[in-house]
Protein backbone atom coordinates (compact mmCIF):
# COMPACT_ATOMS: atom_id res chain seq x y z
CA UNK A 1 0.11 -0.19 -0.01
CA UNK A 2 1.50 3.18 -1.10
CA UNK A 3 1.34 6.35 1.61
CA UNK A 4 -1.47 8.23 -1.02
CA UNK A 5 -3.81 4.74 -1.15
CA UNK A 6 -3.98 5.35 2.82
CA UNK A 7 -4.33 9.45 2.69
CA UNK A 8 -7.03 8.58 -0.01
CA UNK A 9 -8.65 5.78 2.11
CA UNK A 10 -8.82 7.81 5.45
CA UNK A 11 -9.99 10.93 3.55
CA UNK A 12 -12.94 9.17 2.38
CA UNK A 13 -14.22 8.31 5.60
CA UNK A 14 -13.22 12.02 6.63
CA UNK A 15 -10.23 11.22 8.88
CA UNK A 16 -8.39 14.26 8.71
CA UNK A 17 -4.14 13.85 8.37
CA UNK A 18 -2.09 16.13 9.59
CA UNK A 19 1.28 16.94 8.34
CA UNK A 20 3.21 18.58 10.96
CA UNK A 21 2.05 15.63 13.12
CA UNK A 22 2.74 12.60 11.53
CA UNK A 23 6.43 11.55 11.07
CA UNK A 24 7.63 8.55 8.82
CA UNK A 25 9.89 4.91 10.15
CA UNK A 26 11.26 2.81 8.46
CA UNK A 27 11.58 -0.51 9.84
CA UNK A 28 14.84 -2.67 9.88
CA UNK A 29 16.92 -5.53 10.51
CA UNK A 30 20.03 -4.72 11.63
CA UNK A 31 21.94 -5.77 7.97
CA UNK A 32 19.45 -4.55 5.95
CA UNK A 33 19.84 -1.17 7.28
CA UNK A 34 23.89 -0.78 5.88
CA UNK A 35 21.79 -1.28 2.34
CA UNK A 36 19.30 1.47 2.47
CA UNK A 37 18.87 4.61 1.67
CA UNK A 38 16.96 7.31 3.72
CA UNK A 39 13.09 7.48 2.31
CA UNK A 40 11.62 10.96 2.08
CA UNK A 41 8.26 10.95 2.15
CA UNK A 42 5.72 13.43 1.98
CA UNK A 43 2.05 13.98 2.90
CA UNK A 44 0.05 17.18 1.61
CA UNK A 45 3.39 18.56 -0.31
CA UNK A 46 4.87 18.94 3.21
CA UNK A 47 8.50 15.89 3.52
CA UNK A 48 7.93 14.19 6.71
CA UNK A 49 10.30 14.27 9.29
CA UNK A 50 12.16 10.53 9.47
CA UNK A 51 12.38 9.39 12.92
CA UNK A 52 14.29 6.36 14.39
CA UNK A 53 12.16 6.10 17.31
CA UNK A 54 8.09 6.81 18.66
CA UNK A 55 6.59 6.53 21.72
CA UNK A 56 3.11 4.62 20.92
CA UNK A 57 1.12 4.12 24.69
CA UNK A 58 4.09 3.78 26.92
CA UNK A 59 5.69 1.41 24.13
CA UNK A 60 8.99 2.09 22.69
CA UNK A 61 8.73 1.27 18.72
CA UNK A 62 12.60 1.32 17.24
CA UNK A 63 13.66 1.35 13.88
CA UNK A 64 16.27 -1.82 13.74
CA UNK A 65 15.32 -4.96 15.07
CA UNK A 66 17.09 -7.45 17.10
CA UNK A 67 16.82 -10.78 18.39
C-alpha cells in the first residue's frame, strides 16, 4: 500500500491527516539498514520527519529490529 492510498482511504472516511504531527519510520533489521537509503515521504506536499523511535501507548517502537 502506498502512502497516497492511505491518505485517500482516510479522507474518504472523513479522517484528516495532519502533516505537522505525522512522522515516518523505516523498520528494518540490523543488516538491511546498511543497504537502505534514507526515505523521504511527503504528505500534502510537506516532507515528513523520519524518526528512529516513537513512543506509542507507553511502548517504545524503534526502527532497528534485534533478536
